[in-house]
Protein backbone atom coordinates (compact mmCIF):
# COMPACT_ATOMS: atom_id res chain seq x y z
CA MET A 1 113.62 45.56 131.50
CA SER A 2 112.73 45.48 135.23
CA GLY A 3 109.35 46.15 136.85
CA SER A 4 110.65 49.05 138.65
CA THR A 5 112.09 50.62 135.22
CA LEU A 6 108.64 50.12 134.03
CA THR A 7 106.79 51.85 136.65
CA ARG A 8 109.66 54.53 136.87
CA ALA A 9 108.53 55.19 133.01
CA HIS A 10 104.90 55.30 133.33
CA THR A 11 103.67 58.78 133.49
CA ALA A 12 99.55 58.17 133.16
CA PRO A 13 97.15 55.33 132.53
CA PRO A 14 95.62 55.37 128.88
CA ASP A 15 92.72 57.43 128.17
CA THR A 16 89.80 54.60 128.50
CA SER A 17 86.95 57.20 127.99
CA GLY A 18 84.86 55.79 124.96
CA MET A 19 87.45 52.88 124.98
CA TRP A 20 84.95 50.37 123.64
CA HIS A 21 82.69 51.04 120.73
CA ALA A 22 78.94 50.34 120.70
CA GLY A 23 79.28 47.05 119.09
CA GLY A 24 81.43 45.61 121.61
CA ARG A 25 80.84 42.45 123.41
CA LEU A 26 83.03 42.85 126.39
CA ASP A 27 81.33 42.32 130.04
CA ASP A 28 82.88 44.82 132.71
CA GLU A 29 85.35 41.60 134.21
CA MET A 30 86.76 41.22 130.51
CA ARG A 31 86.99 44.87 130.11
CA ARG A 32 89.06 45.31 133.13
CA LYS A 33 91.37 42.59 132.18
CA TRP A 34 91.91 44.29 128.66
CA LEU A 35 92.33 48.09 130.39
CA ASP A 36 95.16 46.33 132.71
CA ALA A 37 96.70 44.30 129.82
CA LEU A 38 96.70 47.92 127.58
CA ASN A 39 98.04 49.97 130.42
CA SER A 40 101.06 47.78 130.87
CA PHE A 41 101.65 47.56 127.09
CA GLU A 42 101.34 51.31 126.58
CA VAL A 43 104.11 51.37 129.74
CA ALA A 44 106.28 49.30 128.10
CA GLN A 45 105.99 50.78 124.49
CA ARG A 46 106.89 54.18 126.17
CA ALA A 47 109.83 52.76 127.98
CA LYS A 48 111.21 51.54 124.70
CA LYS A 49 111.20 54.82 123.15
CA ALA A 50 108.52 54.19 120.58
CA GLN A 51 106.95 57.16 118.76
CA PRO A 52 103.88 58.62 120.64
CA ALA A 53 101.77 58.34 117.35
CA THR A 54 102.92 54.79 117.04
CA VAL A 55 101.99 53.84 120.49
CA ALA A 56 98.42 55.56 119.91
CA ARG A 57 97.78 53.63 116.79
CA ARG A 58 98.87 49.96 118.57
CA VAL A 59 96.67 50.69 121.42
CA ARG A 60 93.36 51.76 119.30
CA HIS A 61 94.01 48.73 116.73
CA VAL A 62 94.28 46.34 120.24
CA ARG A 63 91.39 48.07 121.68
CA LYS A 64 89.27 47.23 118.63
CA PHE A 65 90.26 43.64 118.56
CA ALA A 66 89.34 43.32 122.43
CA SER A 67 85.74 44.74 121.67
CA GLU A 68 85.37 42.47 118.66
CA VAL A 69 86.39 39.05 119.70
CA ALA A 70 85.02 39.14 123.53
CA LEU A 71 87.95 36.97 124.86
CA SER A 72 90.34 37.10 127.68
CA PRO A 73 93.93 39.10 126.46
CA TRP A 74 95.59 35.76 127.64
CA HIS A 75 93.42 33.37 125.99
CA VAL A 76 93.52 34.42 122.28
CA THR A 77 94.61 31.94 119.66
CA ALA A 78 96.02 32.20 116.38
CA GLU A 79 92.85 31.14 114.44
CA ASP A 80 91.07 33.97 116.66
CA VAL A 81 93.77 36.29 115.32
CA GLN A 82 93.49 35.13 111.59
CA GLY A 83 89.80 35.10 111.77
CA TRP A 84 89.50 38.62 112.95
CA LEU A 85 92.06 39.89 110.30
CA GLU A 86 90.09 38.32 107.64
CA ARG A 87 86.60 39.47 108.85
CA LEU A 88 87.73 43.49 108.41
CA ASP A 89 86.21 45.41 105.98
CA VAL A 90 89.15 47.55 105.16
CA ALA A 91 92.09 48.33 102.86
CA ASP A 92 94.97 46.01 102.81
CA SER A 93 97.26 48.39 104.07
CA THR A 94 94.99 49.26 106.96
CA ARG A 95 94.68 45.36 107.64
CA LEU A 96 98.53 44.85 107.96
CA SER A 97 98.58 47.86 110.05
CA MET A 98 96.51 46.18 112.62
CA ARG A 99 98.21 42.63 112.11
CA ASP A 100 101.35 44.51 113.01
CA SER A 101 99.70 46.09 116.19
CA LEU A 102 98.56 42.74 117.22
CA ARG A 103 101.81 41.50 116.77
CA ALA A 104 103.55 44.09 118.74
CA PHE A 105 101.03 43.44 121.68
CA TYR A 106 101.53 39.86 121.66
CA ARG A 107 105.24 39.93 121.30
CA TRP A 108 105.30 41.95 124.45
CA ALA A 109 102.96 39.70 126.25
CA HIS A 110 105.23 36.60 125.18
CA VAL A 111 108.45 38.22 126.43
CA SER A 112 107.18 39.57 129.65
CA GLY A 113 105.91 36.12 130.71
CA ARG A 114 102.13 36.76 130.33
CA MET A 115 101.60 34.09 127.47
CA LEU A 116 103.84 30.96 126.85
CA SER A 117 103.59 31.54 122.92
CA ASP A 118 102.82 34.39 120.51
CA PRO A 119 99.42 33.44 118.72
CA THR A 120 100.44 35.80 115.97
CA GLU A 121 104.01 34.49 114.89
CA CYS A 122 102.31 32.58 112.03
CA VAL A 123 99.93 34.98 110.82
CA SER A 124 101.32 36.06 107.50
CA TYR A 125 101.12 38.91 104.98
CA ARG A 126 99.84 36.70 102.28
CA ALA A 127 97.19 34.77 104.57
CA VAL A 128 95.80 38.42 105.52
CA ARG A 129 95.99 40.06 102.14
CA LEU A 130 94.81 37.08 100.24
CA PRO A 131 92.04 34.70 101.41
CA VAL A 132 91.28 31.66 100.09
CA PRO A 133 89.07 32.26 96.68
CA THR A 134 85.32 31.07 97.39
CA SER A 135 85.66 28.91 94.39
CA TRP A 136 88.38 26.64 96.07
CA GLU A 137 87.17 26.54 99.96
CA GLN A 138 84.87 23.25 99.56
CA PRO A 139 87.53 21.53 97.82
CA LEU A 140 89.91 22.18 99.94
CA THR A 141 87.76 21.25 102.99
CA ALA A 142 86.83 18.01 101.66
CA TYR A 143 90.43 17.14 100.87
CA GLU A 144 91.41 18.03 104.46
CA ARG A 145 89.03 15.61 105.75
CA HIS A 146 90.14 13.17 103.44
CA LEU A 147 93.79 13.58 105.03
CA TRP A 148 92.53 13.26 108.31
CA ALA A 149 90.21 10.47 107.35
CA LYS A 150 93.25 8.31 106.18
CA GLY A 151 95.31 9.11 109.57
CA SER A 152 98.02 11.68 107.94
CA ALA A 153 100.10 13.25 110.88
CA SER A 154 98.79 16.66 111.92
CA THR A 155 101.85 18.19 110.80
CA THR A 156 101.47 16.70 107.19
CA VAL A 157 97.80 17.68 107.13
CA ARG A 158 99.24 21.25 108.05
CA ALA A 159 101.77 21.05 105.39
CA HIS A 160 99.74 20.09 102.52
CA MET A 161 96.82 22.52 103.23
CA GLU A 162 98.95 25.38 103.78
CA GLN A 163 100.50 24.70 100.46
CA MET A 164 97.14 24.02 98.64
CA ARG A 165 95.80 27.61 100.17
CA SER A 166 99.06 29.20 98.96
CA PHE A 167 98.19 27.69 95.19
CA ALA A 168 94.56 28.62 95.39
CA ARG A 169 95.31 32.19 96.32
CA GLU A 170 97.81 32.60 93.38
CA ASN A 171 95.01 30.75 91.17
CA ALA A 172 92.20 32.66 92.39
CA SER A 173 90.46 32.89 88.73
CA LEU A 174 90.91 28.88 88.18
CA ASP A 175 88.20 26.31 88.84
CA PRO A 176 90.02 23.82 91.09
CA PHE A 177 88.96 20.82 88.88
CA ALA A 178 89.51 22.72 85.57
CA VAL A 179 93.14 23.11 86.08
CA ARG A 180 95.60 22.14 83.29
CA ILE A 181 99.11 20.98 83.16
CA ASP A 182 99.77 24.22 81.29
CA ASP A 183 98.62 26.23 84.55
CA LEU A 184 101.25 24.15 86.48
CA TYR A 185 103.80 24.64 84.36
CA GLU A 186 103.12 28.62 84.57
CA TRP A 187 102.69 28.69 88.17
CA MET A 188 106.04 26.49 88.99
CA ALA A 189 108.19 28.05 86.23
CA GLY A 190 107.56 31.64 87.84
CA LYS A 191 108.82 30.03 91.24
CA ARG A 192 112.76 30.34 92.37
CA TRP A 193 112.68 27.36 94.70
CA ALA A 194 114.97 25.34 96.30
CA ARG A 195 114.70 21.66 94.31
CA GLU A 196 113.51 20.22 97.94
CA THR A 197 110.66 22.89 97.86
CA ARG A 198 109.99 22.26 94.19
CA ARG A 199 109.48 18.66 94.75
CA ALA A 200 107.21 19.16 98.13
CA ARG A 201 104.86 21.24 96.17
CA LYS A 202 104.62 18.92 93.17
CA VAL A 203 103.87 15.62 96.13
CA THR A 204 101.34 18.20 97.56
CA LEU A 205 99.44 18.87 93.90
CA ARG A 206 99.57 15.47 93.15
CA GLY A 207 98.13 14.28 96.16
CA PHE A 208 95.19 16.74 96.13
CA TYR A 209 94.29 15.72 91.95
CA THR A 210 95.06 12.18 92.93
CA TRP A 211 92.25 12.19 95.68
CA ALA A 212 90.18 14.27 92.82
CA VAL A 213 90.30 11.71 90.39
CA GLU A 214 89.53 8.94 93.27
CA THR A 215 86.53 10.77 94.03
CA ASP A 216 85.19 11.15 90.33
CA ARG A 217 85.72 15.25 90.87
CA ILE A 218 87.66 15.22 87.72
CA ASP A 219 88.30 12.36 84.78
CA ALA A 220 91.90 12.94 84.38
CA ASN A 221 95.07 14.06 86.92
CA PRO A 222 96.85 17.03 85.51
CA THR A 223 100.19 16.56 87.55
CA ASP A 224 100.76 13.23 85.90
CA LYS A 225 102.60 14.93 83.29
CA LEU A 226 104.31 17.16 85.53
CA PRO A 227 108.37 16.55 85.34
CA LYS A 228 110.45 14.22 87.84
CA ILE A 229 112.59 16.62 90.34
CA ARG A 230 115.47 14.22 91.43
CA SER A 231 116.22 15.15 95.26
CA THR A 232 119.40 17.08 96.27
CA ASP A 233 122.38 14.69 97.27
CA PRO A 234 122.47 14.24 101.24
CA ILE A 235 124.21 16.77 103.05
CA ALA A 236 124.55 16.14 106.98
CA ARG A 237 124.73 19.52 109.41
CA PRO A 238 125.34 18.32 112.59
CA ALA A 239 125.60 20.70 115.41
CA SER A 240 129.44 20.72 116.17
CA ASP A 241 130.48 19.85 120.02
CA ASP A 242 131.18 23.57 120.67
CA GLU A 243 127.80 24.78 119.48
CA TYR A 244 126.00 22.08 121.79
CA GLU A 245 128.28 22.93 124.90
CA ALA A 246 127.73 27.02 124.32
CA ALA A 247 124.01 26.19 123.98
CA MET A 248 124.03 24.24 127.32
CA ARG A 249 125.64 27.18 129.13
CA MET A 250 122.89 29.47 127.87
CA ALA A 251 119.82 27.46 128.19
CA ASP A 252 117.66 27.00 131.60
CA ASP A 253 117.07 23.70 133.27
CA ARG A 254 113.66 22.95 130.76
CA GLY A 255 116.24 24.22 127.84
CA LYS A 256 118.87 21.83 129.08
CA ILE A 257 116.43 18.95 128.82
CA ALA A 258 115.27 19.92 125.48
CA LEU A 259 118.89 20.26 124.06
CA ARG A 260 119.57 16.90 125.52
CA LEU A 261 116.48 14.96 124.32
CA SER A 262 117.80 15.96 120.83
CA ALA A 263 121.30 15.65 121.06
CA GLU A 264 121.69 12.62 123.35
CA LEU A 265 118.65 10.66 121.83
CA GLY A 266 118.23 12.05 118.50
CA LEU A 267 114.49 13.26 118.91
CA ARG A 268 112.67 15.19 116.69
CA ARG A 269 111.62 18.84 118.10
CA ALA A 270 107.79 17.52 117.87
CA GLU A 271 108.66 14.48 119.77
CA VAL A 272 110.53 16.55 122.34
CA ALA A 273 107.94 18.52 122.83
CA ARG A 274 105.32 15.36 123.22
CA VAL A 275 107.70 13.62 125.85
CA HIS A 276 105.22 12.98 129.15
CA SER A 277 106.29 11.29 132.53
CA ALA A 278 104.35 8.28 131.58
CA ASP A 279 106.33 7.84 128.69
CA LEU A 280 109.41 6.59 130.91
CA GLU A 281 109.71 2.91 131.82
CA ARG A 282 112.36 1.77 134.21
CA HIS A 283 113.59 -2.04 134.03
CA ALA A 284 115.92 -3.53 136.78
CA GLU A 285 117.82 -5.41 133.99
CA GLN A 286 117.85 -2.63 130.89
CA GLY A 287 117.57 0.65 132.26
CA THR A 288 115.43 3.42 131.58
CA TRP A 289 113.76 3.62 127.97
CA LEU A 290 111.16 6.34 126.71
CA THR A 291 108.37 5.61 124.42
CA VAL A 292 108.66 8.08 121.45
CA HIS A 293 105.44 9.67 119.67
CA GLY A 294 107.14 9.90 116.42
CA LYS A 295 106.24 11.26 113.14
CA GLY A 296 103.36 9.89 111.48
CA ALA A 297 101.54 8.52 114.91
CA LYS A 298 104.67 5.62 114.82
CA ILE A 299 105.43 4.88 118.08
CA ARG A 300 109.18 3.86 119.05
CA ARG A 301 111.32 2.86 122.31
CA VAL A 302 114.63 4.19 122.99
CA PRO A 303 117.08 3.76 125.71
CA VAL A 304 117.61 6.77 127.98
CA PRO A 305 121.18 7.50 129.56
CA GLU A 306 121.11 7.30 133.22
CA SER A 307 121.99 10.65 134.03
CA LEU A 308 119.15 11.79 131.74
CA ALA A 309 116.82 9.45 132.87
CA LEU A 310 117.69 11.08 136.55
CA THR A 311 116.69 14.60 135.59
CA LEU A 312 113.39 13.70 133.82
CA ARG A 313 112.31 11.40 137.17
CA THR A 314 112.76 14.76 139.15
CA LEU A 315 110.06 16.59 137.14
CA PRO A 316 106.35 16.58 138.20
CA GLU A 317 104.03 14.10 136.54
CA GLY A 318 102.52 15.48 133.08
CA TYR A 319 104.37 17.00 130.01
CA VAL A 320 108.12 17.97 130.34
CA PHE A 321 107.23 20.87 128.49
CA PRO A 322 103.36 21.86 129.48
CA GLY A 323 101.48 24.09 127.50
CA GLN A 324 99.52 27.18 128.35
CA ILE A 325 97.35 27.22 131.39
CA VAL A 326 93.64 28.25 130.81
CA GLU A 327 91.04 29.30 133.13
CA ARG A 328 88.25 26.85 133.34
CA GLN A 329 85.00 27.46 135.34
CA SER A 330 86.08 25.67 138.49
CA HIS A 331 89.84 25.26 138.05
CA ALA A 332 93.10 26.14 135.89
CA ALA A 333 93.76 23.37 133.55
CA GLN A 334 96.59 22.49 131.08
CA THR A 335 96.09 22.69 127.21
CA GLY A 336 98.46 19.97 126.67
CA HIS A 337 102.49 20.11 125.60
CA ILE A 338 104.11 23.46 123.93
CA SER A 339 104.10 23.14 120.27
CA PRO A 340 106.96 21.98 118.71
CA ARG A 341 107.49 24.92 116.45
CA TYR A 342 107.48 27.35 119.32
CA LEU A 343 110.03 24.86 121.02
CA GLY A 344 112.22 24.76 118.02
CA LYS A 345 112.30 28.73 118.25
CA LEU A 346 113.07 28.71 121.61
CA ILE A 347 116.29 26.31 121.02
CA ALA A 348 117.27 28.17 118.05
CA GLN A 349 117.85 31.21 119.91
CA LEU A 350 120.39 29.10 122.24
CA LEU A 351 122.20 28.05 118.97
CA PRO A 352 124.21 30.17 116.62
CA ALA A 353 122.71 31.62 113.77
CA GLY A 354 121.98 29.04 110.73
CA VAL A 355 122.16 25.90 113.57
CA THR A 356 118.51 24.49 114.60
CA MET A 357 117.19 21.97 116.87
CA HIS A 358 117.54 19.65 113.77
CA ALA A 359 121.05 19.82 113.72
CA LEU A 360 121.45 18.43 117.06
CA ARG A 361 119.45 15.07 115.72
CA HIS A 362 121.92 14.96 112.72
CA ARG A 363 125.08 15.34 115.41
CA PHE A 364 123.44 12.25 117.48
CA ALA A 365 123.03 10.08 114.06
CA THR A 366 126.57 11.15 112.95
CA ARG A 367 128.00 9.97 116.87
CA ALA A 368 126.06 6.94 116.56
CA TYR A 369 126.97 5.66 113.32
CA ASN A 370 130.66 6.34 114.33
CA VAL A 371 130.54 3.94 117.13
CA ASN A 372 130.27 0.79 115.41
CA ARG A 373 129.02 1.90 111.83
CA ASP A 374 125.52 -0.08 112.40
CA VAL A 375 123.33 2.22 110.12
CA PHE A 376 120.28 -0.28 110.97
CA THR A 377 120.71 0.43 114.42
CA VAL A 378 120.86 4.19 114.20
CA GLN A 379 117.91 3.73 112.00
CA ARG A 380 115.63 2.52 114.57
CA LEU A 381 116.95 4.58 116.93
CA LEU A 382 115.79 7.61 114.81
CA GLY A 383 112.62 6.37 113.47
CA HIS A 384 113.29 6.24 110.03
CA ALA A 385 111.38 3.99 107.47
CA SER A 386 114.46 3.55 105.80
CA ALA A 387 118.34 3.49 106.00
CA ALA A 388 118.62 5.76 102.74
CA THR A 389 116.86 8.48 104.99
CA THR A 390 119.37 7.78 107.92
CA GLN A 391 122.66 8.11 105.55
CA ARG A 392 121.15 11.64 104.90
CA TYR A 393 121.60 12.50 108.49
CA VAL A 394 125.62 11.12 109.05
CA GLN A 395 128.35 13.32 108.63
CA VAL A 396 131.46 11.12 107.65
CA SER A 397 134.52 12.44 109.28
CA ASP A 398 137.91 13.34 107.02
CA ASP A 399 139.72 11.05 109.69
CA GLY A 400 137.21 8.39 108.82
CA MET A 401 137.97 8.86 105.03
CA ARG A 402 141.75 8.71 105.53
CA ALA A 403 141.56 5.51 107.71
CA LEU A 404 139.86 3.70 105.08
CA VAL A 405 142.19 4.73 102.30
CA GLU A 406 145.13 4.03 104.67
CA ALA A 407 143.71 0.37 105.02
CA VAL A 408 143.43 -0.35 101.74
CA ASN A 409 146.86 1.16 100.57
CA PRO A 410 149.23 -0.08 103.70
């Protein structure tokens, strides 16, 4: 909706008398920023024909949040939101209502261009309703330090810790180091997970209890007797040419670059998010190469098509997909690159339902393999540790299978 439309829809600014409760910690300047933000938010909500009671409730909840976190509305992080919700001494239903109000506010802030990302998008119902049990807090903190100390990738640490916290919440009555195999059976048997999800949970639990044995917290690993879970059959799901071309037509300039880096070089979304101008190298004889910061802190180099290289070299120095601007005391500073998750969501909006950014990586793998059937070169380009993994990305065409059968049976 245009700014002029919003202005016409506005009737009166929100009543700010008594807006901040006595315990609020906002100074005059911060209070002014929040007043301006809430005024614009209320105008936008009314323009969308939200019910007056809903608008009033959302504004009231955001006011309470603002007065207690004492931060600029545009410098709030997911951790700030999550921490505030968990500290609230209210009923679960009220907590969830407040969470939804913050989601409405920051979704509006993101869509209207006031923030580059939505800090509430990862705040879950379960995390709000069920904090990690006290008995699990110290063991999980120690285990997380162990993962960081051994050099695990940030995505790996986050995934393992999210899964362990989920297990802890659902088994709050269990002592972490008194868990038995029967407890694990009971928990896993009640889940209707896909096979790969079940395998991932087993790997996470096994890692935690292996660490517990190695650090003398327990004598035996309860996960040793868990049954083997075989992996699913490999199924490549490359994006089609029509899907890719349609996304390119819809994308803005930065979106097109993200699509091309994934579809033309096979980069993961996290690798695309980290591309920096310093990663480009131009050689007189070998052309342009890109240093890719891959999974597990692994580095690889891939050649860049000249048309894409020219586009990348026209961009300002720094990250191709910069993160949020924050105000320092004397200047504005960049916080780094955009988050991989957020970038993935942006690109998914350009693709049909069910087609993700990773499908573009599958597309690259399939097209690269079909050039000369050199799976080992494709493996290096994708940054896989095993050629078996690469095979899961390649879709063998019907034409290719027919050609082989015809060749065997002339």
